[in-house]
N, C-alpha and C. Protein backbone atom coordinates (compact mmCIF):
# COMPACT_ATOMS: atom_id res chain seq x y z
N MET A 1 -10.47 -9.85 5.22
CA MET A 1 -9.31 -10.16 6.03
C MET A 1 -9.72 -10.09 7.51
N THR A 2 -9.45 -11.14 8.24
CA THR A 2 -9.80 -11.21 9.65
C THR A 2 -8.61 -10.77 10.49
N GLY A 3 -8.85 -9.85 11.39
CA GLY A 3 -7.80 -9.36 12.26
C GLY A 3 -7.97 -9.91 13.66
N PRO A 4 -7.19 -9.39 14.59
CA PRO A 4 -7.29 -9.86 15.97
C PRO A 4 -8.64 -9.51 16.59
N ALA A 5 -9.13 -10.39 17.43
CA ALA A 5 -10.42 -10.18 18.08
C ALA A 5 -10.30 -9.29 19.32
N SER A 6 -9.10 -9.21 19.88
CA SER A 6 -8.89 -8.42 21.09
C SER A 6 -7.48 -7.85 21.10
N VAL A 7 -7.24 -6.91 22.01
CA VAL A 7 -5.90 -6.35 22.15
C VAL A 7 -4.93 -7.46 22.57
N GLU A 8 -5.38 -8.35 23.43
CA GLU A 8 -4.53 -9.46 23.86
C GLU A 8 -4.14 -10.34 22.67
N ASP A 9 -5.08 -10.60 21.77
CA ASP A 9 -4.77 -11.38 20.56
C ASP A 9 -3.74 -10.66 19.70
N TYR A 10 -3.91 -9.35 19.55
CA TYR A 10 -2.96 -8.56 18.76
C TYR A 10 -1.56 -8.68 19.36
N MET A 11 -1.46 -8.46 20.67
CA MET A 11 -0.16 -8.51 21.35
C MET A 11 0.45 -9.91 21.26
N ALA A 12 -0.36 -10.94 21.41
CA ALA A 12 0.14 -12.31 21.36
C ALA A 12 0.75 -12.65 20.00
N GLY A 13 0.31 -11.98 18.96
CA GLY A 13 0.82 -12.25 17.62
C GLY A 13 2.11 -11.53 17.28
N LEU A 14 2.63 -10.73 18.21
CA LEU A 14 3.85 -9.97 17.96
C LEU A 14 5.09 -10.70 18.47
N PRO A 15 6.25 -10.48 17.83
CA PRO A 15 7.51 -10.99 18.39
C PRO A 15 7.75 -10.33 19.76
N ASP A 16 8.50 -11.00 20.62
CA ASP A 16 8.71 -10.53 21.99
C ASP A 16 9.15 -9.07 22.09
N GLU A 17 10.14 -8.68 21.29
CA GLU A 17 10.66 -7.31 21.35
C GLU A 17 9.57 -6.29 21.00
N ARG A 18 8.80 -6.58 19.97
CA ARG A 18 7.72 -5.67 19.56
C ARG A 18 6.63 -5.63 20.63
N ARG A 19 6.31 -6.78 21.17
CA ARG A 19 5.27 -6.85 22.20
C ARG A 19 5.69 -6.02 23.42
N ALA A 20 6.94 -6.13 23.83
CA ALA A 20 7.43 -5.39 25.00
C ALA A 20 7.32 -3.88 24.78
N ALA A 21 7.70 -3.42 23.60
CA ALA A 21 7.62 -1.98 23.31
C ALA A 21 6.17 -1.50 23.32
N LEU A 22 5.27 -2.26 22.71
CA LEU A 22 3.87 -1.84 22.68
C LEU A 22 3.19 -1.99 24.03
N GLU A 23 3.61 -2.97 24.83
CA GLU A 23 3.05 -3.10 26.19
C GLU A 23 3.43 -1.89 27.03
N ALA A 24 4.67 -1.40 26.87
CA ALA A 24 5.09 -0.21 27.60
C ALA A 24 4.24 0.99 27.18
N LEU A 25 4.01 1.13 25.89
CA LEU A 25 3.17 2.22 25.39
C LEU A 25 1.74 2.06 25.92
N ARG A 26 1.23 0.85 25.87
CA ARG A 26 -0.13 0.56 26.34
C ARG A 26 -0.30 0.97 27.81
N GLN A 27 0.67 0.63 28.64
CA GLN A 27 0.61 0.98 30.06
C GLN A 27 0.69 2.49 30.26
N THR A 28 1.47 3.18 29.44
CA THR A 28 1.57 4.64 29.52
C THR A 28 0.23 5.28 29.19
N ILE A 29 -0.42 4.78 28.15
CA ILE A 29 -1.73 5.32 27.78
C ILE A 29 -2.75 5.04 28.88
N LYS A 30 -2.73 3.83 29.44
CA LYS A 30 -3.66 3.49 30.53
C LYS A 30 -3.46 4.41 31.73
N ALA A 31 -2.20 4.72 32.05
CA ALA A 31 -1.92 5.59 33.18
C ALA A 31 -2.38 7.03 32.91
N ALA A 32 -2.23 7.48 31.67
CA ALA A 32 -2.62 8.84 31.31
C ALA A 32 -4.14 8.99 31.17
N ALA A 33 -4.81 7.91 30.81
CA ALA A 33 -6.26 7.95 30.61
C ALA A 33 -6.90 6.72 31.24
N PRO A 34 -6.91 6.65 32.58
CA PRO A 34 -7.40 5.44 33.25
C PRO A 34 -8.86 5.12 32.98
N GLU A 35 -9.64 6.09 32.56
CA GLU A 35 -11.05 5.85 32.26
C GLU A 35 -11.27 5.27 30.87
N ALA A 36 -10.23 5.27 30.05
CA ALA A 36 -10.36 4.82 28.66
C ALA A 36 -10.55 3.31 28.58
N THR A 37 -11.26 2.90 27.56
CA THR A 37 -11.46 1.47 27.31
C THR A 37 -10.67 1.07 26.06
N GLU A 38 -10.20 -0.16 26.07
CA GLU A 38 -9.42 -0.68 24.94
C GLU A 38 -10.33 -1.41 23.96
N LEU A 39 -9.95 -1.35 22.72
CA LEU A 39 -10.67 -2.07 21.68
C LEU A 39 -9.75 -2.27 20.49
N ILE A 40 -10.21 -3.06 19.54
CA ILE A 40 -9.52 -3.20 18.26
C ILE A 40 -10.29 -2.35 17.26
N SER A 41 -9.57 -1.49 16.56
CA SER A 41 -10.16 -0.64 15.53
C SER A 41 -9.22 -0.64 14.34
N TYR A 42 -9.73 -0.91 13.17
CA TYR A 42 -8.90 -1.00 11.96
C TYR A 42 -7.78 -2.02 12.15
N GLN A 43 -8.08 -3.11 12.84
CA GLN A 43 -7.18 -4.23 13.09
C GLN A 43 -5.96 -3.86 13.93
N MET A 44 -6.08 -2.82 14.76
CA MET A 44 -4.99 -2.46 15.66
C MET A 44 -5.56 -2.03 17.01
N PRO A 45 -4.75 -2.10 18.06
CA PRO A 45 -5.21 -1.68 19.38
C PRO A 45 -5.55 -0.19 19.40
N ALA A 46 -6.58 0.15 20.14
CA ALA A 46 -7.01 1.54 20.25
C ALA A 46 -7.61 1.78 21.63
N PHE A 47 -7.74 3.05 21.96
CA PHE A 47 -8.39 3.46 23.20
C PHE A 47 -9.51 4.44 22.86
N ARG A 48 -10.58 4.33 23.62
CA ARG A 48 -11.74 5.21 23.49
C ARG A 48 -12.03 5.75 24.89
N SER A 49 -12.36 7.03 24.96
CA SER A 49 -12.67 7.65 26.25
C SER A 49 -13.96 8.44 26.13
N HIS A 50 -14.90 8.16 27.01
CA HIS A 50 -16.20 8.85 27.01
C HIS A 50 -16.85 8.80 25.64
N GLY A 51 -16.74 7.63 24.99
CA GLY A 51 -17.38 7.43 23.70
C GLY A 51 -16.63 7.99 22.50
N ARG A 52 -15.48 8.59 22.73
CA ARG A 52 -14.71 9.19 21.64
C ARG A 52 -13.37 8.50 21.47
N PHE A 53 -12.96 8.36 20.22
CA PHE A 53 -11.67 7.76 19.90
C PHE A 53 -10.57 8.61 20.50
N LEU A 54 -9.57 7.96 21.11
CA LEU A 54 -8.47 8.67 21.75
C LEU A 54 -7.17 8.47 20.96
N VAL A 55 -6.78 7.21 20.78
CA VAL A 55 -5.51 6.92 20.11
C VAL A 55 -5.49 5.45 19.71
N SER A 56 -4.74 5.14 18.66
CA SER A 56 -4.47 3.74 18.32
C SER A 56 -2.98 3.62 18.05
N TYR A 57 -2.49 2.39 18.00
CA TYR A 57 -1.06 2.15 17.81
C TYR A 57 -0.86 0.80 17.15
N ALA A 58 0.32 0.62 16.56
CA ALA A 58 0.59 -0.64 15.86
C ALA A 58 2.08 -0.85 15.71
N ALA A 59 2.45 -2.11 15.54
CA ALA A 59 3.83 -2.49 15.24
C ALA A 59 3.89 -2.97 13.80
N TYR A 60 4.91 -2.53 13.10
CA TYR A 60 5.15 -2.95 11.72
C TYR A 60 6.56 -3.52 11.63
N LYS A 61 6.94 -4.00 10.48
CA LYS A 61 8.24 -4.65 10.32
C LYS A 61 9.40 -3.74 10.72
N ASN A 62 9.37 -2.48 10.28
CA ASN A 62 10.49 -1.58 10.51
C ASN A 62 10.19 -0.39 11.40
N HIS A 63 8.97 -0.31 11.92
CA HIS A 63 8.61 0.83 12.75
C HIS A 63 7.38 0.54 13.62
N TYR A 64 7.14 1.46 14.54
CA TYR A 64 5.92 1.50 15.34
C TYR A 64 5.17 2.76 14.94
N SER A 65 3.86 2.72 14.96
CA SER A 65 3.07 3.92 14.65
C SER A 65 2.09 4.21 15.78
N LEU A 66 1.92 5.49 16.02
CA LEU A 66 0.96 5.99 16.99
C LEU A 66 0.02 6.92 16.22
N PHE A 67 -1.27 6.72 16.39
CA PHE A 67 -2.27 7.49 15.64
C PHE A 67 -3.17 8.24 16.63
N PRO A 68 -2.78 9.46 17.04
CA PRO A 68 -3.64 10.22 17.95
C PRO A 68 -4.89 10.69 17.24
N ALA A 69 -5.97 10.83 17.98
CA ALA A 69 -7.25 11.23 17.40
C ALA A 69 -7.29 12.70 17.03
N SER A 70 -6.43 13.47 17.62
CA SER A 70 -6.50 14.92 17.43
C SER A 70 -5.15 15.49 17.00
N ASP A 71 -5.18 16.41 16.08
CA ASP A 71 -3.95 17.11 15.69
C ASP A 71 -3.40 17.93 16.85
N ALA A 72 -4.23 18.20 17.85
CA ALA A 72 -3.78 18.98 19.00
C ALA A 72 -2.62 18.29 19.71
N VAL A 73 -2.61 16.97 19.71
CA VAL A 73 -1.50 16.22 20.33
C VAL A 73 -0.21 16.51 19.58
N ILE A 74 -0.26 16.42 18.29
CA ILE A 74 0.92 16.67 17.46
C ILE A 74 1.34 18.13 17.59
N ASP A 75 0.39 19.04 17.56
CA ASP A 75 0.69 20.47 17.68
C ASP A 75 1.32 20.79 19.03
N ALA A 76 0.84 20.16 20.09
CA ALA A 76 1.35 20.43 21.43
C ALA A 76 2.80 20.00 21.59
N LEU A 77 3.19 18.95 20.90
CA LEU A 77 4.56 18.45 21.02
C LEU A 77 5.50 19.06 20.00
N GLY A 78 4.96 19.74 19.01
CA GLY A 78 5.72 20.53 18.04
C GLY A 78 7.00 19.92 17.54
N GLU A 79 8.08 20.65 17.73
CA GLU A 79 9.40 20.28 17.21
C GLU A 79 9.87 18.92 17.70
N GLU A 80 9.44 18.54 18.88
CA GLU A 80 9.85 17.26 19.46
C GLU A 80 9.44 16.08 18.57
N LEU A 81 8.35 16.25 17.83
CA LEU A 81 7.84 15.16 17.00
C LEU A 81 8.15 15.29 15.51
N THR A 82 8.64 16.41 15.08
CA THR A 82 8.80 16.68 13.64
C THR A 82 9.46 15.53 12.90
N ARG A 83 10.54 15.00 13.42
CA ARG A 83 11.26 13.94 12.70
C ARG A 83 10.50 12.62 12.66
N TYR A 84 9.47 12.49 13.49
CA TYR A 84 8.69 11.25 13.54
C TYR A 84 7.37 11.32 12.78
N LEU A 85 7.04 12.47 12.25
CA LEU A 85 5.76 12.61 11.55
C LEU A 85 5.82 11.92 10.20
N SER A 86 4.76 11.22 9.89
CA SER A 86 4.66 10.49 8.63
C SER A 86 3.23 10.61 8.13
N GLY A 87 2.96 11.64 7.39
CA GLY A 87 1.60 11.85 6.93
C GLY A 87 0.77 12.54 7.99
N LYS A 88 -0.44 12.86 7.65
CA LYS A 88 -1.32 13.57 8.57
C LYS A 88 -1.80 12.64 9.68
N GLY A 89 -1.48 13.00 10.91
CA GLY A 89 -1.98 12.26 12.04
C GLY A 89 -1.26 10.97 12.38
N THR A 90 -0.08 10.75 11.78
CA THR A 90 0.67 9.53 12.06
C THR A 90 2.03 9.89 12.63
N ILE A 91 2.34 9.30 13.77
CA ILE A 91 3.65 9.45 14.39
C ILE A 91 4.33 8.10 14.25
N ARG A 92 5.46 8.08 13.58
CA ARG A 92 6.15 6.82 13.27
C ARG A 92 7.53 6.81 13.93
N PHE A 93 7.79 5.76 14.71
CA PHE A 93 9.07 5.60 15.38
C PHE A 93 9.80 4.40 14.78
N PRO A 94 11.09 4.55 14.45
CA PRO A 94 11.84 3.41 13.91
C PRO A 94 11.88 2.25 14.91
N ALA A 95 11.89 1.04 14.41
CA ALA A 95 11.94 -0.14 15.29
C ALA A 95 13.18 -0.12 16.17
N ALA A 96 14.27 0.44 15.65
CA ALA A 96 15.51 0.49 16.42
C ALA A 96 15.45 1.54 17.54
N SER A 97 14.50 2.44 17.48
CA SER A 97 14.32 3.49 18.50
C SER A 97 12.86 3.52 18.92
N PRO A 98 12.45 2.54 19.73
CA PRO A 98 11.03 2.45 20.09
C PRO A 98 10.51 3.71 20.76
N ILE A 99 9.23 3.78 20.82
CA ILE A 99 8.50 4.92 21.37
C ILE A 99 9.01 5.26 22.76
C-alpha cells in the first residue's frame, strides 16, 4: 500500500475541515519544537527532533489521533487526557471536538 510521499501530500488528501484541524496542530508542534523536522512515518505526518521520534498525528473518519513518542507526555497531562486515551500511547479526539 502506497501512502503519501510528504506531509503536504497527506494534508492535501484531507477534507477541508480535517486539514484545518491538523494544520492547527502541526503549527502548534512546530512552535513547541522549532528544531524538529517533519516526515511521513507509518503513512502519517510525524516530527523528529535530534534524530529521535517526537510525535505523529492523523485524521480518521470519526476522530483525530495524536501519538506521542513518550508516555511522559501522557503522564504529565494526567487527568486532563484520561477521557481521550485509546490504548497505550494513543490520544484520540472525536472529530466533533478537534484537538
